Amino acid sequence: MKPPVPDVATERQWRYVGSGHTPGAALTAAGVAFGIFLNREIARSEARIGDGGAAW
């Protein structure tokens, strides 16, 4: 076994490197989830009002 090289980062959890969402994909997913949340809140509000948005 070689001694560690100074100023070199070692990734011990190599099997996880590159897995998961990129920052851009995570941001997109969060935006989609927020849009779904808002749509559900609006639908609940309209259902409570009772007209279902028929005033268009």
N, C-alpha and C. Protein backbone atom coordinates (compact mmCIF):
# COMPACT_ATOMS: atom_id res chain seq x y z
N MET A 1 0.85 -1.18 0.00
CA MET A 1 0.00 0.00 0.00
C MET A 1 0.89 1.24 0.00
N LYS A 2 0.59 2.16 -0.90
CA LYS A 2 1.38 3.38 -1.00
C LYS A 2 0.93 4.39 0.04
N PRO A 3 1.84 5.21 0.53
CA PRO A 3 1.42 6.27 1.46
C PRO A 3 0.57 7.30 0.73
N PRO A 4 -0.35 7.97 1.44
CA PRO A 4 -1.21 8.97 0.80
C PRO A 4 -0.40 10.12 0.21
N VAL A 5 -0.87 10.62 -0.90
CA VAL A 5 -0.23 11.75 -1.56
C VAL A 5 -0.80 13.03 -0.96
N PRO A 6 0.06 13.98 -0.57
CA PRO A 6 -0.46 15.22 0.02
C PRO A 6 -1.32 16.01 -0.98
N ASP A 7 -2.33 16.68 -0.47
CA ASP A 7 -3.22 17.54 -1.27
C ASP A 7 -4.00 16.78 -2.35
N VAL A 8 -4.30 15.52 -2.10
CA VAL A 8 -5.09 14.73 -3.04
C VAL A 8 -6.33 14.24 -2.30
N ALA A 9 -7.49 14.49 -2.87
CA ALA A 9 -8.74 14.02 -2.26
C ALA A 9 -8.99 12.58 -2.68
N THR A 10 -9.44 11.78 -1.75
CA THR A 10 -9.76 10.38 -2.04
C THR A 10 -11.24 10.18 -1.75
N GLU A 11 -11.94 9.58 -2.70
CA GLU A 11 -13.36 9.28 -2.53
C GLU A 11 -13.48 7.84 -2.08
N ARG A 12 -13.87 7.65 -0.83
CA ARG A 12 -13.99 6.29 -0.30
C ARG A 12 -15.29 5.63 -0.70
N GLN A 13 -16.33 6.40 -0.90
CA GLN A 13 -17.63 5.85 -1.28
C GLN A 13 -17.77 5.87 -2.79
N TRP A 14 -16.89 5.24 -3.49
CA TRP A 14 -16.82 5.31 -4.94
C TRP A 14 -18.09 4.85 -5.63
N ARG A 15 -18.82 3.94 -5.05
CA ARG A 15 -20.02 3.44 -5.73
C ARG A 15 -21.13 4.49 -5.81
N TYR A 16 -21.06 5.53 -4.99
CA TYR A 16 -22.08 6.57 -5.01
C TYR A 16 -21.69 7.77 -5.87
N VAL A 17 -20.47 7.82 -6.32
CA VAL A 17 -20.02 8.95 -7.13
C VAL A 17 -20.80 8.95 -8.45
N GLY A 18 -21.41 10.08 -8.75
CA GLY A 18 -22.14 10.21 -10.01
C GLY A 18 -23.57 9.73 -9.96
N SER A 19 -24.04 9.26 -8.82
CA SER A 19 -25.43 8.83 -8.73
C SER A 19 -26.27 9.97 -8.17
N GLY A 20 -27.55 9.90 -8.38
CA GLY A 20 -28.44 10.93 -7.86
C GLY A 20 -28.71 12.02 -8.88
N HIS A 21 -29.35 13.07 -8.41
CA HIS A 21 -29.72 14.17 -9.29
C HIS A 21 -28.60 15.19 -9.41
N THR A 22 -28.50 15.77 -10.59
CA THR A 22 -27.62 16.91 -10.74
C THR A 22 -28.31 18.10 -10.08
N PRO A 23 -27.60 19.15 -9.76
CA PRO A 23 -28.27 20.32 -9.17
C PRO A 23 -29.39 20.86 -10.06
N GLY A 24 -29.19 20.87 -11.36
CA GLY A 24 -30.23 21.35 -12.27
C GLY A 24 -31.45 20.46 -12.28
N ALA A 25 -31.24 19.15 -12.27
CA ALA A 25 -32.36 18.21 -12.25
C ALA A 25 -33.13 18.31 -10.94
N ALA A 26 -32.40 18.48 -9.84
CA ALA A 26 -33.06 18.63 -8.54
C ALA A 26 -33.89 19.90 -8.50
N LEU A 27 -33.39 20.98 -9.08
CA LEU A 27 -34.13 22.24 -9.11
C LEU A 27 -35.38 22.10 -9.97
N THR A 28 -35.26 21.43 -11.10
CA THR A 28 -36.42 21.19 -11.96
C THR A 28 -37.46 20.36 -11.24
N ALA A 29 -37.04 19.30 -10.56
CA ALA A 29 -37.97 18.44 -9.82
C ALA A 29 -38.66 19.22 -8.71
N ALA A 30 -37.93 20.09 -8.03
CA ALA A 30 -38.53 20.91 -6.97
C ALA A 30 -39.57 21.86 -7.56
N GLY A 31 -39.27 22.43 -8.72
CA GLY A 31 -40.23 23.32 -9.38
C GLY A 31 -41.50 22.61 -9.80
N VAL A 32 -41.36 21.40 -10.33
CA VAL A 32 -42.52 20.60 -10.73
C VAL A 32 -43.35 20.25 -9.50
N ALA A 33 -42.69 19.83 -8.42
CA ALA A 33 -43.41 19.49 -7.19
C ALA A 33 -44.16 20.70 -6.64
N PHE A 34 -43.55 21.87 -6.70
CA PHE A 34 -44.22 23.08 -6.22
C PHE A 34 -45.41 23.42 -7.10
N GLY A 35 -45.28 23.26 -8.41
CA GLY A 35 -46.40 23.50 -9.32
C GLY A 35 -47.58 22.58 -9.04
N ILE A 36 -47.28 21.31 -8.78
CA ILE A 36 -48.34 20.35 -8.44
C ILE A 36 -49.01 20.76 -7.14
N PHE A 37 -48.21 21.17 -6.16
CA PHE A 37 -48.75 21.62 -4.88
C PHE A 37 -49.70 22.81 -5.08
N LEU A 38 -49.26 23.80 -5.88
CA LEU A 38 -50.12 24.97 -6.11
C LEU A 38 -51.41 24.60 -6.83
N ASN A 39 -51.31 23.72 -7.83
CA ASN A 39 -52.52 23.29 -8.54
C ASN A 39 -53.51 22.61 -7.60
N ARG A 40 -53.01 21.79 -6.69
CA ARG A 40 -53.90 21.12 -5.74
C ARG A 40 -54.54 22.11 -4.78
N GLU A 41 -53.76 23.09 -4.32
CA GLU A 41 -54.31 24.10 -3.42
C GLU A 41 -55.40 24.92 -4.11
N ILE A 42 -55.17 25.29 -5.36
CA ILE A 42 -56.17 26.05 -6.13
C ILE A 42 -57.42 25.20 -6.33
N ALA A 43 -57.23 23.93 -6.65
CA ALA A 43 -58.39 23.04 -6.85
C ALA A 43 -59.20 22.90 -5.56
N ARG A 44 -58.51 22.77 -4.43
CA ARG A 44 -59.23 22.68 -3.16
C ARG A 44 -60.00 23.97 -2.87
N SER A 45 -59.37 25.10 -3.14
CA SER A 45 -60.02 26.38 -2.91
C SER A 45 -61.26 26.53 -3.79
N GLU A 46 -61.13 26.16 -5.05
CA GLU A 46 -62.27 26.25 -5.97
C GLU A 46 -63.39 25.29 -5.57
N ALA A 47 -63.01 24.11 -5.09
CA ALA A 47 -64.03 23.15 -4.66
C ALA A 47 -64.79 23.67 -3.44
N ARG A 48 -64.12 24.39 -2.54
CA ARG A 48 -64.78 24.97 -1.39
C ARG A 48 -65.71 26.08 -1.79
N ILE A 49 -65.33 26.87 -2.80
CA ILE A 49 -66.17 27.95 -3.27
C ILE A 49 -67.43 27.38 -3.92
N GLY A 50 -67.25 26.31 -4.65
CA GLY A 50 -68.41 25.62 -5.21
C GLY A 50 -68.66 25.90 -6.67
N ASP A 51 -68.06 26.93 -7.29
CA ASP A 51 -68.35 27.18 -8.69
C ASP A 51 -67.39 26.45 -9.63
N GLY A 52 -66.31 25.92 -9.09
CA GLY A 52 -65.36 25.17 -9.90
C GLY A 52 -64.70 25.99 -10.97
N GLY A 53 -64.73 27.29 -10.87
CA GLY A 53 -64.11 28.15 -11.86
C GLY A 53 -64.98 28.36 -13.08
N ALA A 54 -66.28 28.16 -12.96
CA ALA A 54 -67.20 28.27 -14.10
C ALA A 54 -67.42 29.71 -14.55
N ALA A 55 -66.88 30.68 -13.86
CA ALA A 55 -67.11 32.08 -14.21
C ALA A 55 -66.28 32.52 -15.41
N TRP A 56 -65.52 31.65 -16.03
CA TRP A 56 -64.71 32.00 -17.18
C TRP A 56 -65.61 32.48 -18.25
